[in-house]
Amino acid sequence: MRATVLAVGCAVAMAGCTWVQMAPGASSVRVIDGSSAPAGCEKRGEVEVSVKNSVAFYDRNQLRVREELETLARNEAPSLQADTVQPMGEPLNGSQRFAAWRCAAGNAATKASGSGGSAQTYPIGR
């Protein structure tokens, strides 16, 4: 009985953990919304990434799962010579596909805002 309670407690505690770390070079990769293809960008490919969306019988926080999927997509972008990733749909069972883009002379999101600043925006829900 005590072992079961301990196992359940560990599973619940781990469900809130972030397991995905940003890889070198990935911090400069931007995530844009999936509404339309970015103007002035060259498509470099697609990546599919996945994380655990549940631990034992406990479903993980979906915002954290989404953040980890975006981080994994950003980690993959430099290997495709891409500087921007765009979700191609909603996450499903801990997996999500992203389009990888290389945007000429800077990032499309920065161009669209009209500023040369270094601010980044991230979607928090859809």
N, C-alpha and C. Protein backbone atom coordinates (compact mmCIF):
# COMPACT_ATOMS: atom_id res chain seq x y z
N MET A 1 0.83 -1.19 0.00
CA MET A 1 0.00 0.00 0.00
C MET A 1 0.87 1.25 0.00
N ARG A 2 1.89 1.26 0.86
CA ARG A 2 2.77 2.41 0.96
C ARG A 2 3.56 2.63 -0.33
N ALA A 3 3.97 1.55 -0.96
CA ALA A 3 4.70 1.64 -2.23
C ALA A 3 3.81 2.23 -3.31
N THR A 4 2.53 1.87 -3.32
CA THR A 4 1.60 2.41 -4.31
C THR A 4 1.43 3.91 -4.13
N VAL A 5 1.27 4.35 -2.89
CA VAL A 5 1.13 5.78 -2.60
C VAL A 5 2.39 6.53 -3.02
N LEU A 6 3.56 5.96 -2.75
CA LEU A 6 4.81 6.58 -3.14
C LEU A 6 4.93 6.67 -4.66
N ALA A 7 4.58 5.62 -5.36
CA ALA A 7 4.65 5.61 -6.82
C ALA A 7 3.72 6.65 -7.42
N VAL A 8 2.50 6.74 -6.90
CA VAL A 8 1.54 7.72 -7.39
C VAL A 8 2.05 9.13 -7.11
N GLY A 9 2.59 9.35 -5.93
CA GLY A 9 3.14 10.66 -5.58
C GLY A 9 4.27 11.08 -6.50
N CYS A 10 5.15 10.15 -6.81
CA CYS A 10 6.26 10.44 -7.73
C CYS A 10 5.75 10.75 -9.13
N ALA A 11 4.77 9.99 -9.60
CA ALA A 11 4.21 10.22 -10.93
C ALA A 11 3.58 11.60 -11.03
N VAL A 12 2.85 12.00 -10.02
CA VAL A 12 2.21 13.32 -10.01
C VAL A 12 3.27 14.42 -9.96
N ALA A 13 4.29 14.25 -9.14
CA ALA A 13 5.36 15.25 -9.04
C ALA A 13 6.11 15.38 -10.35
N MET A 14 6.40 14.28 -11.01
CA MET A 14 7.13 14.31 -12.27
C MET A 14 6.29 14.87 -13.40
N ALA A 15 4.99 14.78 -13.31
CA ALA A 15 4.12 15.27 -14.38
C ALA A 15 4.25 16.77 -14.56
N GLY A 16 4.65 17.48 -13.54
CA GLY A 16 4.82 18.92 -13.64
C GLY A 16 6.21 19.33 -14.08
N CYS A 17 7.13 18.41 -14.23
CA CYS A 17 8.50 18.74 -14.58
C CYS A 17 8.65 19.04 -16.07
N THR A 18 9.60 19.89 -16.38
CA THR A 18 9.98 20.13 -17.77
C THR A 18 11.21 19.30 -18.04
N TRP A 19 11.12 18.44 -19.03
CA TRP A 19 12.22 17.54 -19.34
C TRP A 19 13.03 17.99 -20.54
N VAL A 20 12.54 18.94 -21.30
CA VAL A 20 13.19 19.34 -22.55
C VAL A 20 14.03 20.59 -22.32
N GLN A 21 15.28 20.52 -22.70
CA GLN A 21 16.19 21.65 -22.57
C GLN A 21 16.47 22.26 -23.94
N MET A 22 16.70 23.55 -23.99
CA MET A 22 17.01 24.25 -25.23
C MET A 22 18.42 23.87 -25.67
N ALA A 23 18.55 23.47 -26.94
CA ALA A 23 19.85 23.10 -27.50
C ALA A 23 20.61 24.36 -27.94
N PRO A 24 21.94 24.25 -28.06
CA PRO A 24 22.71 25.40 -28.55
C PRO A 24 22.21 25.82 -29.95
N GLY A 25 22.05 27.12 -30.14
CA GLY A 25 21.57 27.65 -31.42
C GLY A 25 20.07 27.74 -31.53
N ALA A 26 19.35 27.03 -30.69
CA ALA A 26 17.89 27.01 -30.78
C ALA A 26 17.24 28.26 -30.19
N SER A 27 17.96 28.96 -29.34
CA SER A 27 17.37 30.15 -28.71
C SER A 27 17.12 31.27 -29.71
N SER A 28 17.80 31.26 -30.85
CA SER A 28 17.57 32.29 -31.86
C SER A 28 16.44 31.92 -32.83
N VAL A 29 15.89 30.72 -32.71
CA VAL A 29 14.80 30.27 -33.58
C VAL A 29 13.49 30.81 -33.03
N ARG A 30 12.70 31.40 -33.90
CA ARG A 30 11.42 31.97 -33.51
C ARG A 30 10.28 30.99 -33.78
N VAL A 31 9.23 31.11 -33.00
CA VAL A 31 8.01 30.33 -33.21
C VAL A 31 6.92 31.33 -33.62
N ILE A 32 6.30 31.08 -34.78
CA ILE A 32 5.23 31.96 -35.24
C ILE A 32 3.92 31.19 -35.25
N ASP A 33 2.82 31.91 -35.34
CA ASP A 33 1.52 31.23 -35.34
C ASP A 33 1.30 30.50 -36.66
N GLY A 34 0.38 29.59 -36.66
CA GLY A 34 0.13 28.74 -37.81
C GLY A 34 -0.91 29.26 -38.78
N SER A 35 -1.22 30.55 -38.73
CA SER A 35 -2.32 31.07 -39.55
C SER A 35 -2.00 31.08 -41.04
N SER A 36 -0.80 31.49 -41.44
CA SER A 36 -0.43 31.51 -42.86
C SER A 36 1.09 31.44 -42.99
N ALA A 37 1.55 31.12 -44.19
CA ALA A 37 2.98 31.03 -44.45
C ALA A 37 3.61 32.40 -44.29
N PRO A 38 4.79 32.48 -43.67
CA PRO A 38 5.44 33.78 -43.49
C PRO A 38 5.93 34.33 -44.83
N ALA A 39 5.73 35.63 -45.04
CA ALA A 39 6.16 36.28 -46.28
C ALA A 39 7.67 36.41 -46.30
N GLY A 40 8.25 36.21 -47.48
CA GLY A 40 9.68 36.39 -47.65
C GLY A 40 10.53 35.30 -47.04
N CYS A 41 9.95 34.14 -46.77
CA CYS A 41 10.69 33.04 -46.14
C CYS A 41 10.74 31.83 -47.06
N GLU A 42 11.79 31.06 -46.93
CA GLU A 42 11.97 29.84 -47.70
C GLU A 42 11.69 28.64 -46.80
N LYS A 43 10.80 27.75 -47.24
CA LYS A 43 10.51 26.56 -46.46
C LYS A 43 11.69 25.60 -46.53
N ARG A 44 12.18 25.18 -45.36
CA ARG A 44 13.34 24.30 -45.28
C ARG A 44 12.96 22.86 -44.99
N GLY A 45 11.72 22.62 -44.61
CA GLY A 45 11.29 21.26 -44.33
C GLY A 45 10.26 21.23 -43.22
N GLU A 46 10.01 20.02 -42.74
CA GLU A 46 9.05 19.82 -41.66
C GLU A 46 9.68 18.90 -40.62
N VAL A 47 9.26 19.10 -39.37
CA VAL A 47 9.72 18.23 -38.30
C VAL A 47 8.51 17.78 -37.49
N GLU A 48 8.57 16.57 -37.01
CA GLU A 48 7.55 16.07 -36.09
C GLU A 48 8.25 15.78 -34.76
N VAL A 49 7.71 16.32 -33.71
CA VAL A 49 8.30 16.16 -32.39
C VAL A 49 7.26 15.57 -31.45
N SER A 50 7.72 14.93 -30.39
CA SER A 50 6.77 14.35 -29.43
C SER A 50 7.39 14.32 -28.04
N VAL A 51 6.51 14.39 -27.05
CA VAL A 51 6.87 14.30 -25.64
C VAL A 51 5.81 13.46 -24.94
N LYS A 52 6.09 13.07 -23.73
CA LYS A 52 5.10 12.37 -22.92
C LYS A 52 3.98 13.34 -22.56
N ASN A 53 2.75 13.00 -22.87
CA ASN A 53 1.64 13.87 -22.48
C ASN A 53 0.92 13.33 -21.25
N SER A 54 1.35 12.17 -20.80
CA SER A 54 0.80 11.63 -19.55
C SER A 54 1.88 10.76 -18.89
N VAL A 55 1.79 10.70 -17.56
CA VAL A 55 2.69 9.87 -16.77
C VAL A 55 1.79 8.96 -15.94
N ALA A 56 1.95 7.67 -16.16
CA ALA A 56 1.06 6.68 -15.54
C ALA A 56 -0.38 7.02 -15.95
N PHE A 57 -1.23 7.30 -15.02
CA PHE A 57 -2.62 7.64 -15.35
C PHE A 57 -2.87 9.15 -15.28
N TYR A 58 -1.83 9.94 -15.03
CA TYR A 58 -1.98 11.38 -14.84
C TYR A 58 -1.64 12.13 -16.12
N ASP A 59 -2.56 12.95 -16.63
CA ASP A 59 -2.30 13.78 -17.80
C ASP A 59 -1.49 15.01 -17.40
N ARG A 60 -0.43 15.27 -18.15
CA ARG A 60 0.41 16.43 -17.87
C ARG A 60 -0.29 17.72 -18.27
N ASN A 61 0.15 18.83 -17.72
CA ASN A 61 -0.36 20.15 -18.06
C ASN A 61 -0.15 20.38 -19.56
N GLN A 62 -1.23 20.67 -20.28
CA GLN A 62 -1.15 20.80 -21.73
C GLN A 62 -0.34 22.02 -22.19
N LEU A 63 -0.32 23.08 -21.40
CA LEU A 63 0.51 24.23 -21.74
C LEU A 63 1.99 23.84 -21.68
N ARG A 64 2.36 23.07 -20.66
CA ARG A 64 3.75 22.62 -20.54
C ARG A 64 4.11 21.67 -21.68
N VAL A 65 3.19 20.78 -22.06
CA VAL A 65 3.44 19.88 -23.19
C VAL A 65 3.66 20.70 -24.46
N ARG A 66 2.82 21.70 -24.69
CA ARG A 66 2.94 22.56 -25.87
C ARG A 66 4.29 23.30 -25.87
N GLU A 67 4.69 23.82 -24.71
CA GLU A 67 5.98 24.51 -24.60
C GLU A 67 7.14 23.57 -24.94
N GLU A 68 7.08 22.34 -24.46
CA GLU A 68 8.14 21.37 -24.73
C GLU A 68 8.17 20.99 -26.21
N LEU A 69 7.02 20.87 -26.83
CA LEU A 69 6.97 20.57 -28.26
C LEU A 69 7.61 21.71 -29.06
N GLU A 70 7.31 22.95 -28.69
CA GLU A 70 7.91 24.10 -29.36
C GLU A 70 9.42 24.11 -29.17
N THR A 71 9.88 23.80 -27.97
CA THR A 71 11.32 23.76 -27.70
C THR A 71 11.99 22.69 -28.55
N LEU A 72 11.39 21.52 -28.64
CA LEU A 72 11.96 20.45 -29.48
C LEU A 72 12.01 20.87 -30.95
N ALA A 73 10.96 21.53 -31.43
CA ALA A 73 10.96 22.01 -32.82
C ALA A 73 12.05 23.05 -33.02
N ARG A 74 12.23 23.95 -32.07
CA ARG A 74 13.30 24.94 -32.15
C ARG A 74 14.66 24.26 -32.13
N ASN A 75 14.80 23.18 -31.37
CA ASN A 75 16.07 22.44 -31.32
C ASN A 75 16.40 21.82 -32.67
N GLU A 76 15.39 21.42 -33.43
CA GLU A 76 15.61 20.77 -34.73
C GLU A 76 15.88 21.76 -35.85
N ALA A 77 15.42 23.00 -35.72
CA ALA A 77 15.50 23.98 -36.80
C ALA A 77 16.92 24.25 -37.30
N PRO A 78 17.92 24.43 -36.45
CA PRO A 78 19.26 24.70 -36.96
C PRO A 78 19.81 23.60 -37.89
N SER A 79 19.43 22.36 -37.67
CA SER A 79 19.91 21.29 -38.55
C SER A 79 19.32 21.40 -39.95
N LEU A 80 18.24 22.16 -40.10
CA LEU A 80 17.62 22.40 -41.41
C LEU A 80 17.97 23.80 -41.95
N GLN A 81 18.91 24.48 -41.29
CA GLN A 81 19.26 25.86 -41.62
C GLN A 81 18.02 26.76 -41.59
N ALA A 82 17.15 26.53 -40.62
CA ALA A 82 15.93 27.32 -40.45
C ALA A 82 16.07 28.22 -39.23
N ASP A 83 15.41 29.37 -39.29
CA ASP A 83 15.43 30.30 -38.16
C ASP A 83 14.04 30.56 -37.60
N THR A 84 13.04 29.89 -38.15
CA THR A 84 11.65 30.09 -37.74
C THR A 84 10.92 28.75 -37.84
N VAL A 85 10.08 28.44 -36.86
CA VAL A 85 9.23 27.26 -36.93
C VAL A 85 7.78 27.69 -36.76
N GLN A 86 6.90 26.91 -37.38
CA GLN A 86 5.47 27.23 -37.39
C GLN A 86 4.67 25.95 -37.19
N PRO A 87 3.80 25.90 -36.19
CA PRO A 87 3.00 24.69 -35.99
C PRO A 87 2.08 24.45 -37.19
N MET A 88 1.95 23.21 -37.60
CA MET A 88 1.10 22.84 -38.73
C MET A 88 -0.25 22.34 -38.26
N GLY A 89 -0.45 22.30 -36.98
CA GLY A 89 -1.71 21.85 -36.40
C GLY A 89 -1.56 21.83 -34.89
N GLU A 90 -2.61 21.44 -34.25
CA GLU A 90 -2.60 21.35 -32.78
C GLU A 90 -1.87 20.08 -32.33
N PRO A 91 -1.31 20.09 -31.13
CA PRO A 91 -0.71 18.86 -30.59
C PRO A 91 -1.76 17.76 -30.45
N LEU A 92 -1.36 16.54 -30.69
CA LEU A 92 -2.25 15.39 -30.56
C LEU A 92 -1.49 14.27 -29.88
N ASN A 93 -1.92 13.86 -28.70
CA ASN A 93 -1.30 12.78 -27.94
C ASN A 93 0.20 13.00 -27.75
N GLY A 94 0.59 14.24 -27.51
CA GLY A 94 1.99 14.54 -27.25
C GLY A 94 2.86 14.70 -28.48
N SER A 95 2.26 14.73 -29.68
CA SER A 95 3.02 14.91 -30.92
C SER A 95 2.50 16.13 -31.67
N GLN A 96 3.41 16.76 -32.43
CA GLN A 96 3.01 17.90 -33.23
C GLN A 96 3.99 18.07 -34.39
N ARG A 97 3.46 18.50 -35.54
CA ARG A 97 4.29 18.77 -36.72
C ARG A 97 4.51 20.28 -36.84
N PHE A 98 5.71 20.65 -37.27
CA PHE A 98 6.08 22.04 -37.48
C PHE A 98 6.72 22.20 -38.85
N ALA A 99 6.43 23.32 -39.51
CA ALA A 99 7.15 23.70 -40.72
C ALA A 99 8.36 24.51 -40.28
N ALA A 100 9.48 24.28 -40.95
CA ALA A 100 10.72 25.00 -40.64
C ALA A 100 11.00 25.97 -41.79
N TRP A 101 11.26 27.23 -41.47
CA TRP A 101 11.46 28.29 -42.45
C TRP A 101 12.78 29.01 -42.22
N ARG A 102 13.37 29.48 -43.32
CA ARG A 102 14.50 30.41 -43.24
C ARG A 102 14.00 31.72 -43.81
N CYS A 103 14.00 32.73 -42.99
CA CYS A 103 13.49 34.04 -43.39
C CYS A 103 14.65 34.95 -43.74
N ALA A 104 14.62 35.52 -44.94
CA ALA A 104 15.69 36.36 -45.45
C ALA A 104 15.79 37.66 -44.65
N ALA A 105 17.01 38.08 -44.39
CA ALA A 105 17.31 39.36 -43.72
C ALA A 105 16.52 39.56 -42.44
N GLY A 106 16.47 38.56 -41.60
CA GLY A 106 15.81 38.70 -40.31
C GLY A 106 14.57 37.85 -40.21
N ASN A 107 13.90 37.97 -39.12
CA ASN A 107 12.73 37.16 -38.84
C ASN A 107 11.47 37.82 -39.33
N ALA A 108 10.54 37.05 -39.90
CA ALA A 108 9.28 37.58 -40.41
C ALA A 108 8.46 38.24 -39.32
N ALA A 109 8.49 37.70 -38.11
CA ALA A 109 7.71 38.28 -37.02
C ALA A 109 8.26 39.66 -36.66
N THR A 110 9.58 39.83 -36.70
CA THR A 110 10.17 41.13 -36.42
C THR A 110 9.83 42.10 -37.53
N LYS A 111 9.88 41.65 -38.80
CA LYS A 111 9.53 42.51 -39.92
C LYS A 111 8.10 42.99 -39.82
N ALA A 112 7.20 42.08 -39.49
CA ALA A 112 5.78 42.42 -39.44
C ALA A 112 5.49 43.45 -38.36
N SER A 113 6.25 43.42 -37.28
CA SER A 113 6.00 44.37 -36.19
C SER A 113 6.57 45.74 -36.51
N GLY A 114 7.48 45.81 -37.50
CA GLY A 114 8.05 47.09 -37.89
C GLY A 114 9.15 47.56 -36.96
N SER A 115 9.62 46.74 -36.08
CA SER A 115 10.69 47.15 -35.17
C SER A 115 11.88 46.24 -35.34
N GLY A 116 13.03 46.75 -35.03
CA GLY A 116 14.24 45.96 -35.10
C GLY A 116 14.64 45.45 -33.74
N GLY A 117 13.74 45.49 -32.76
CA GLY A 117 14.03 45.08 -31.39
C GLY A 117 14.26 43.59 -31.27
N SER A 118 14.56 43.17 -30.07
CA SER A 118 14.85 41.77 -29.85
C SER A 118 13.75 41.06 -29.07
N ALA A 119 12.56 41.64 -29.05
CA ALA A 119 11.45 41.03 -28.32
C ALA A 119 10.97 39.78 -29.04
N GLN A 120 10.55 38.78 -28.27
CA GLN A 120 9.99 37.56 -28.82
C GLN A 120 8.61 37.37 -28.23
N THR A 121 7.72 36.83 -29.04
CA THR A 121 6.38 36.51 -28.55
C THR A 121 6.15 35.02 -28.71
N TYR A 122 5.37 34.45 -27.82
CA TYR A 122 5.06 33.03 -27.84
C TYR A 122 3.58 32.85 -27.65
N PRO A 123 2.95 31.99 -28.45
CA PRO A 123 1.51 31.75 -28.25
C PRO A 123 1.28 31.02 -26.92
N ILE A 124 0.27 31.42 -26.19
CA ILE A 124 -0.01 30.75 -24.92
C ILE A 124 -1.28 29.92 -24.97
N GLY A 125 -2.01 29.99 -26.02
CA GLY A 125 -3.22 29.18 -26.12
C GLY A 125 -3.91 29.44 -27.43
N ARG A 126 -4.74 28.48 -27.81
CA ARG A 126 -5.46 28.63 -29.08
C ARG A 126 -6.88 28.22 -28.90
